[in-house]
Amino acid sequence: MDAVIENLPTYWRGFSMTLLLLGVSGVSALVLGTVIASMRISPVASLRGFATVYTELIRNTPLTLVLLFCAIILPYLGSRLEYSVAAMIGLSVYTSPFVAEALRSGINGVPVGQAEAARSVGLGFGQTVGLIVLPQAFRMTIPPLINVFIALTKNTSVAGGFFVFELFAGGRELANANGDAVIPILLGVATLYLVITVPLGVIAGQLERKWVVQR
């Protein structure tokens, strides 16, 4: 445990970057995923087609390849983004189709009659989705959305392989420097991941009991 205590600043540096990656990427993926989910149910065929191709393409591409493109290919094409920003973009893009699919399942659970009633009183597609459908879809998909963000927390570790000093990269560095204390160091890393994921699970349970709409 001495190796863990002595290297708390390194742990904090990696932990804070992991939190930053999670926060920025999570919010961005939620916004982008909501847009994609709305496009999937759009009456415009071209929008539905784009959203379907986007979802299937990104969802079936390994995260490593997405981050490789953001961290290696984009600079080759002239990008001057910092590696941490490139990682946030990659994580956001990769997570967004999972958010979209979770939301789409909630959208499908909203009774069709509600959308028809909204249209009958003069609401357009955007108003119907934004005011009637999505609020209920969010409530019904809280548990799967939280699961997506828990997976995103663990996926941030992949950014450590692309020049971003996050929690996993910090643990790897400490393990290499303290070969006689590898197990305590890795347990420290695992504990810090649990500090993020366990509260997310608790929040999911509380919100589910409070907000989930009975189908």
Protein backbone atom coordinates (compact mmCIF):
# COMPACT_ATOMS: atom_id res chain seq x y z
CA MET A 1 0.00 0.00 0.00
CA ASP A 2 2.97 2.31 0.46
CA ALA A 3 3.42 2.47 -3.32
CA VAL A 4 -0.21 3.59 -3.70
CA ILE A 5 -0.01 6.28 -1.03
CA GLU A 6 3.32 7.61 -2.28
CA ASN A 7 1.94 7.98 -5.80
CA LEU A 8 -1.41 9.57 -5.02
CA PRO A 9 -0.60 12.65 -7.16
CA THR A 10 -0.10 10.37 -10.19
CA TYR A 11 -3.34 8.57 -9.43
CA TRP A 12 -5.16 11.89 -9.15
CA ARG A 13 -3.73 13.14 -12.42
CA GLY A 14 -4.95 10.05 -14.26
CA PHE A 15 -8.27 9.96 -12.38
CA SER A 16 -9.05 13.61 -13.17
CA MET A 17 -8.38 13.02 -16.87
CA THR A 18 -10.65 9.97 -16.81
CA LEU A 19 -13.39 12.08 -15.23
CA LEU A 20 -12.87 14.77 -17.88
CA LEU A 21 -13.03 12.23 -20.71
CA LEU A 22 -16.18 10.72 -19.21
CA GLY A 23 -17.91 14.06 -18.63
CA VAL A 24 -17.20 15.67 -21.99
CA SER A 25 -17.63 12.50 -24.04
CA GLY A 26 -20.76 11.47 -22.14
CA VAL A 27 -22.54 14.78 -22.69
CA SER A 28 -21.45 14.95 -26.35
CA ALA A 29 -22.52 11.36 -27.00
CA LEU A 30 -25.88 12.02 -25.34
CA VAL A 31 -26.53 15.05 -27.57
CA LEU A 32 -25.33 13.33 -30.74
CA GLY A 33 -27.14 10.11 -29.88
CA THR A 34 -30.39 12.00 -29.32
CA VAL A 35 -30.06 13.61 -32.75
CA ILE A 36 -29.34 10.24 -34.38
CA ALA A 37 -32.28 8.58 -32.60
CA SER A 38 -34.57 11.38 -33.81
CA MET A 39 -33.29 10.94 -37.34
CA ARG A 40 -34.01 7.19 -37.15
CA ILE A 41 -37.72 7.94 -36.75
CA SER A 42 -37.79 10.90 -39.13
CA PRO A 43 -40.36 10.92 -41.94
CA VAL A 44 -37.52 11.93 -44.29
CA ALA A 45 -36.09 8.78 -45.85
CA SER A 46 -32.62 10.24 -46.44
CA LEU A 47 -32.27 11.15 -42.74
CA ARG A 48 -33.40 7.68 -41.69
CA GLY A 49 -30.92 6.14 -44.11
CA PHE A 50 -28.01 8.28 -42.89
CA ALA A 51 -28.80 7.54 -39.24
CA THR A 52 -29.06 3.81 -39.91
CA VAL A 53 -25.75 3.67 -41.78
CA TYR A 54 -24.04 5.80 -39.14
CA THR A 55 -25.32 3.61 -36.31
CA GLU A 56 -24.37 0.31 -37.91
CA LEU A 57 -21.00 1.53 -39.14
CA ILE A 58 -19.79 3.09 -35.88
CA ARG A 59 -21.33 0.49 -33.60
CA ASN A 60 -19.56 -2.33 -35.44
CA THR A 61 -16.17 -0.59 -35.62
CA PRO A 62 -13.70 -1.34 -32.80
CA LEU A 63 -13.07 1.58 -30.47
CA THR A 64 -9.34 1.18 -31.04
CA LEU A 65 -9.79 1.97 -34.73
CA VAL A 66 -11.94 5.01 -33.97
CA LEU A 67 -9.33 6.42 -31.58
CA LEU A 68 -6.55 5.50 -34.00
CA PHE A 69 -8.25 7.59 -36.65
CA CYS A 70 -8.71 10.54 -34.27
CA ALA A 71 -5.21 10.42 -32.76
CA ILE A 72 -3.10 9.40 -35.77
CA ILE A 73 -5.00 9.97 -39.02
CA LEU A 74 -6.50 13.37 -38.20
CA PRO A 75 -3.06 14.92 -37.38
CA TYR A 76 -1.76 13.40 -40.62
CA LEU A 77 -4.59 15.24 -42.44
CA GLY A 78 -3.60 18.52 -40.81
CA SER A 79 -5.49 18.53 -37.52
CA ARG A 80 -3.80 20.32 -34.61
CA LEU A 81 -6.04 18.97 -31.87
CA GLU A 82 -4.53 17.88 -28.59
CA TYR A 83 -4.59 14.11 -28.04
CA SER A 84 -7.02 14.48 -25.15
CA VAL A 85 -9.45 16.44 -27.34
CA ALA A 86 -9.08 13.88 -30.14
CA ALA A 87 -9.83 11.13 -27.61
CA MET A 88 -12.98 12.95 -26.48
CA ILE A 89 -14.15 13.21 -30.08
CA GLY A 90 -13.47 9.53 -30.70
CA LEU A 91 -15.21 8.41 -27.51
CA SER A 92 -18.19 10.67 -28.25
CA VAL A 93 -18.61 9.35 -31.77
CA TYR A 94 -18.16 5.73 -30.69
CA THR A 95 -20.66 5.99 -27.81
CA SER A 96 -23.34 7.98 -29.63
CA PRO A 97 -24.90 5.06 -31.59
CA PHE A 98 -25.29 3.07 -28.36
CA VAL A 99 -27.08 6.05 -26.84
CA ALA A 100 -29.20 6.33 -29.98
CA GLU A 101 -30.23 2.68 -29.88
CA ALA A 102 -31.10 2.88 -26.20
CA LEU A 103 -33.26 5.93 -26.86
CA ARG A 104 -34.86 4.33 -29.90
CA SER A 105 -36.02 1.44 -27.73
CA GLY A 106 -37.65 3.98 -25.43
CA ILE A 107 -39.19 5.83 -28.36
CA ASN A 108 -40.72 2.57 -29.56
CA GLY A 109 -42.26 2.17 -26.09
CA VAL A 110 -44.17 5.45 -26.31
CA PRO A 111 -47.77 4.77 -27.42
CA VAL A 112 -48.30 5.75 -31.04
CA GLY A 113 -51.56 7.42 -30.10
CA GLN A 114 -49.69 10.16 -28.24
CA ALA A 115 -47.78 11.20 -31.35
CA GLU A 116 -50.99 11.08 -33.39
CA ALA A 117 -52.74 13.25 -30.83
CA ALA A 118 -49.88 15.76 -30.95
CA ARG A 119 -50.10 15.97 -34.72
CA SER A 120 -53.87 16.35 -34.56
CA VAL A 121 -53.49 19.55 -32.51
CA GLY A 122 -51.03 21.00 -35.01
CA LEU A 123 -47.64 20.06 -33.61
CA GLY A 124 -44.94 19.36 -36.19
CA PHE A 125 -42.54 16.43 -36.18
CA GLY A 126 -39.83 18.29 -34.26
CA GLN A 127 -42.28 19.52 -31.62
CA THR A 128 -43.86 16.09 -31.24
CA VAL A 129 -40.51 14.41 -30.76
CA GLY A 130 -39.03 17.10 -28.52
CA LEU A 131 -42.06 17.75 -26.32
CA ILE A 132 -43.93 14.45 -26.27
CA VAL A 133 -41.82 11.49 -27.33
CA LEU A 134 -38.27 12.12 -26.11
CA PRO A 135 -39.13 13.09 -22.50
CA GLN A 136 -40.92 9.76 -22.05
CA ALA A 137 -38.22 7.85 -23.94
CA PHE A 138 -35.52 9.23 -21.63
CA ARG A 139 -37.46 8.14 -18.57
CA MET A 140 -37.96 4.63 -19.91
CA THR A 141 -34.32 4.19 -20.91
CA ILE A 142 -32.53 5.44 -17.80
CA PRO A 143 -31.02 2.03 -16.86
CA PRO A 144 -29.63 1.24 -20.35
CA LEU A 145 -28.32 4.79 -20.72
CA ILE A 146 -26.50 4.53 -17.39
CA ASN A 147 -25.06 1.21 -18.57
CA VAL A 148 -23.78 2.97 -21.68
CA PHE A 149 -22.01 5.56 -19.52
CA ILE A 150 -20.55 2.84 -17.31
CA ALA A 151 -19.17 1.19 -20.45
CA LEU A 152 -17.85 4.60 -21.53
CA THR A 153 -16.01 4.91 -18.20
CA LYS A 154 -14.18 1.68 -18.92
CA ASN A 155 -13.64 2.60 -22.56
CA THR A 156 -11.69 5.69 -21.53
CA SER A 157 -8.84 3.31 -20.66
CA VAL A 158 -8.31 2.72 -24.39
CA ALA A 159 -7.31 6.39 -24.73
CA GLY A 160 -4.24 5.55 -22.64
CA GLY A 161 -2.83 3.78 -25.66
CA PHE A 162 -3.02 7.00 -27.70
CA PHE A 163 -0.84 9.41 -25.71
CA VAL A 164 -3.54 10.41 -23.17
CA PHE A 165 -2.49 10.15 -19.53
CA GLU A 166 -5.67 8.85 -17.97
CA LEU A 167 -6.17 6.44 -15.05
CA PHE A 168 -5.14 3.24 -16.81
CA ALA A 169 -2.09 4.87 -18.37
CA GLY A 170 -1.11 6.19 -14.95
CA GLY A 171 -1.45 2.74 -13.42
CA ARG A 172 0.64 1.23 -16.19
CA GLU A 173 3.36 3.80 -15.62
CA LEU A 174 3.37 3.17 -11.87
CA ALA A 175 3.40 -0.60 -12.35
CA ASN A 176 6.44 -0.35 -14.62
CA ALA A 177 8.23 1.85 -12.08
CA ASN A 178 7.30 -0.28 -9.06
CA GLY A 179 7.71 -3.88 -10.15
CA ASP A 180 7.52 -5.17 -6.58
CA ALA A 181 4.13 -3.57 -5.95
CA VAL A 182 2.21 -4.27 -9.14
CA ILE A 183 -0.80 -5.86 -7.44
CA PRO A 184 -1.46 -2.99 -4.95
CA ILE A 185 -1.02 -0.44 -7.74
CA LEU A 186 -3.49 -2.20 -10.03
CA LEU A 187 -5.93 -2.64 -7.15
CA GLY A 188 -5.70 1.11 -6.63
CA VAL A 189 -6.58 1.68 -10.29
CA ALA A 190 -9.51 -0.75 -10.09
CA THR A 191 -10.78 0.96 -6.94
CA LEU A 192 -10.81 4.36 -8.63
CA TYR A 193 -12.80 2.97 -11.56
CA LEU A 194 -15.29 1.58 -9.03
CA VAL A 195 -15.51 5.03 -7.45
CA ILE A 196 -17.06 6.12 -10.75
CA THR A 197 -19.08 3.10 -11.85
CA VAL A 198 -20.68 2.08 -8.53
CA PRO A 199 -22.28 5.51 -7.91
CA LEU A 200 -23.53 5.50 -11.51
CA GLY A 201 -25.28 2.19 -10.82
CA VAL A 202 -26.80 3.57 -7.62
CA ILE A 203 -28.00 6.69 -9.44
CA ALA A 204 -29.53 4.50 -12.15
CA GLY A 205 -31.51 2.57 -9.55
CA GLN A 206 -32.75 5.72 -7.83
CA LEU A 207 -33.76 7.42 -11.07
CA GLU A 208 -35.45 4.28 -12.31
CA ARG A 209 -37.64 4.13 -9.22
CA LYS A 210 -38.42 7.84 -9.48
CA TRP A 211 -38.81 8.51 -13.20
CA VAL A 212 -39.44 5.37 -15.20
CA VAL A 213 -42.80 5.49 -16.90
CA GLN A 214 -44.82 2.31 -16.61
CA ARG A 215 -45.49 0.88 -20.04
